[in-house]
Amino acid sequence: MSYYEKFVAGWVPENVDLEGDWAVHGLYGPLPLRLFGHKKCFKKVHDDEYQGANQFLGKFSFGHFDVSVGKSQLEPEMEVININYDVKATPAIIRGLTDEVRFVSDNKMLGRGVYAPAALGRIGPKNIFWFTVTKL
């Protein structure tokens, strides 16, 4: 089964619980930053609203994000958990990135990195990598 087929077969729970740290493992694409003990650290801010950051080597935070449940940029009929990097604390070059994730088991999500920088808006969003996120 391809990553895409697994992604489509995945789901978004009615009550999303992402609180805590999740290990990131790159599967395909240009992922040099997905090494070095990469984690996504989620903090609940209100009901189903989360914020967080990517963490490396246990102490360096980079790529802050907001999280929401909503439509996929690539397939609007599909519901996904959007990890949106378009926040002030994130460097401008990364703000065009949104990770779209869906659960594939109780403590594991499969995700795709969707890049759609505003400067290249005429091109539209593109899936540039695949990864998994596993609850620690």
Protein backbone atom coordinates (compact mmCIF):
# COMPACT_ATOMS: atom_id res chain seq x y z
CA MET A 1 0.00 0.00 0.00
CA SER A 2 1.41 3.41 -0.96
CA TYR A 3 1.78 6.32 1.49
CA TYR A 4 -1.10 8.02 -0.29
CA GLU A 5 -3.37 4.97 0.08
CA LYS A 6 -2.50 4.70 3.78
CA PHE A 7 -3.17 8.43 4.19
CA VAL A 8 -6.60 8.17 2.56
CA ALA A 9 -7.43 5.12 4.72
CA GLY A 10 -6.50 7.07 7.85
CA TRP A 11 -8.89 9.14 9.95
CA VAL A 12 -9.32 12.27 12.04
CA PRO A 13 -10.84 11.45 15.45
CA GLU A 14 -13.91 13.33 16.63
CA ASN A 15 -11.96 14.53 19.69
CA VAL A 16 -8.38 15.16 18.65
CA ASP A 17 -5.84 14.74 21.48
CA LEU A 18 -2.34 15.77 20.47
CA GLU A 19 -1.04 17.04 23.82
CA GLY A 20 2.62 16.21 24.44
CA ASP A 21 5.61 15.12 22.40
CA TRP A 22 5.52 13.08 19.18
CA ALA A 23 8.56 11.57 17.42
CA VAL A 24 8.92 12.47 13.74
CA HIS A 25 10.33 10.04 11.17
CA GLY A 26 10.84 11.11 7.57
CA LEU A 27 9.71 8.66 4.90
CA TYR A 28 10.24 10.40 1.58
CA GLY A 29 11.46 13.77 0.38
CA PRO A 30 14.10 16.38 1.23
CA LEU A 31 14.13 15.96 5.00
CA PRO A 32 17.56 16.94 6.37
CA LEU A 33 15.96 18.63 9.40
CA ARG A 34 13.95 15.51 10.24
CA LEU A 35 17.03 13.97 11.79
CA PHE A 36 18.63 14.80 15.13
CA GLY A 37 15.91 13.54 17.45
CA HIS A 38 13.13 15.46 15.73
CA LYS A 39 9.91 15.85 17.74
CA LYS A 40 6.71 17.80 17.36
CA CYS A 41 5.71 19.27 20.73
CA PHE A 42 1.98 20.07 21.01
CA LYS A 43 0.37 22.22 23.69
CA LYS A 44 -3.40 22.52 24.04
CA VAL A 45 -4.54 26.16 24.15
CA HIS A 46 -8.34 25.71 23.98
CA ASP A 47 -10.71 22.77 23.32
CA ASP A 48 -9.44 21.30 20.02
CA GLU A 49 -6.91 24.11 19.44
CA TYR A 50 -3.20 23.38 19.74
CA GLN A 51 0.04 25.24 19.17
CA GLY A 52 3.54 23.90 19.14
CA ALA A 53 6.99 23.70 17.63
CA ASN A 54 9.42 21.24 16.13
CA GLN A 55 12.23 20.37 18.51
CA PHE A 56 15.67 18.97 17.71
CA LEU A 57 18.31 17.40 19.96
CA GLY A 58 15.95 17.78 22.89
CA LYS A 59 16.31 21.55 23.20
CA PHE A 60 16.29 23.54 19.96
CA SER A 61 12.81 24.69 18.87
CA PHE A 62 12.23 25.65 15.25
CA GLY A 63 9.18 25.94 13.04
CA HIS A 64 6.40 27.03 15.39
CA PHE A 65 2.87 26.15 14.33
CA ASP A 66 -0.86 26.35 14.97
CA VAL A 67 -3.05 23.26 14.64
CA SER A 68 -6.62 22.95 13.37
CA VAL A 69 -8.91 20.31 11.93
CA GLY A 70 -10.17 21.19 8.48
CA LYS A 71 -10.03 20.57 4.77
CA SER A 72 -6.94 19.36 2.94
CA GLN A 73 -5.32 21.89 0.61
CA LEU A 74 -4.80 19.15 -1.97
CA GLU A 75 -8.16 17.41 -1.61
CA PRO A 76 -10.77 19.73 -0.09
CA GLU A 77 -13.25 16.87 0.38
CA MET A 78 -10.83 15.19 2.82
CA GLU A 79 -10.65 16.18 6.50
CA VAL A 80 -7.13 16.45 7.93
CA ILE A 81 -5.32 17.83 10.94
CA ASN A 82 -3.50 20.91 9.62
CA ILE A 83 -0.19 21.83 11.23
CA ASN A 84 0.19 25.36 9.90
CA TYR A 85 3.60 27.08 10.01
CA ASP A 86 2.27 30.49 8.94
CA VAL A 87 2.92 32.08 12.35
CA LYS A 88 5.07 35.05 13.30
CA ALA A 89 7.69 33.00 15.23
CA THR A 90 8.48 30.89 12.14
CA PRO A 91 10.99 32.04 9.49
CA ALA A 92 9.27 33.42 6.36
CA ILE A 93 10.63 30.69 4.04
CA ILE A 94 8.82 28.01 6.06
CA ARG A 95 5.51 29.84 6.48
CA GLY A 96 4.22 28.41 3.20
CA LEU A 97 4.36 24.90 4.69
CA THR A 98 1.42 23.03 6.19
CA ASP A 99 1.72 19.47 7.43
CA GLU A 100 -1.48 17.53 6.80
CA VAL A 101 -1.80 14.51 9.09
CA ARG A 102 -4.28 11.67 9.64
CA PHE A 103 -4.22 8.90 12.23
CA VAL A 104 -3.27 5.45 10.93
CA SER A 105 -3.33 3.83 14.41
CA ASP A 106 -4.20 5.03 17.92
CA ASN A 107 -0.79 6.65 18.56
CA LYS A 108 0.58 7.14 15.06
CA MET A 109 -0.17 9.65 12.32
CA LEU A 110 0.93 9.69 8.70
CA GLY A 111 1.56 13.12 7.29
CA ARG A 112 2.44 14.92 4.12
CA GLY A 113 4.23 18.23 3.86
CA VAL A 114 2.27 20.57 1.61
CA TYR A 115 4.19 23.62 0.40
CA ALA A 116 2.34 26.60 -1.07
CA PRO A 117 4.40 29.77 -0.64
CA ALA A 118 2.46 32.96 -1.34
CA ALA A 119 5.12 34.12 -3.82
CA LEU A 120 4.45 31.01 -5.93
CA GLY A 121 0.66 31.07 -5.55
CA ARG A 122 0.11 30.52 -9.25
CA ILE A 123 1.69 27.07 -8.94
CA GLY A 124 -0.58 25.93 -6.10
CA PRO A 125 0.12 23.59 -3.20
CA LYS A 126 2.42 20.59 -3.73
CA ASN A 127 3.07 17.51 -1.62
CA ILE A 128 6.85 17.61 -1.08
CA PHE A 129 7.42 14.88 1.55
CA TRP A 130 5.86 12.13 3.71
CA PHE A 131 6.50 11.43 7.40
CA THR A 132 5.10 9.67 10.45
CA VAL A 133 4.48 11.13 13.90
CA THR A 134 4.33 8.71 16.84
CA LYS A 135 3.20 9.54 20.39
CA LEU A 136 6.06 9.35 22.91
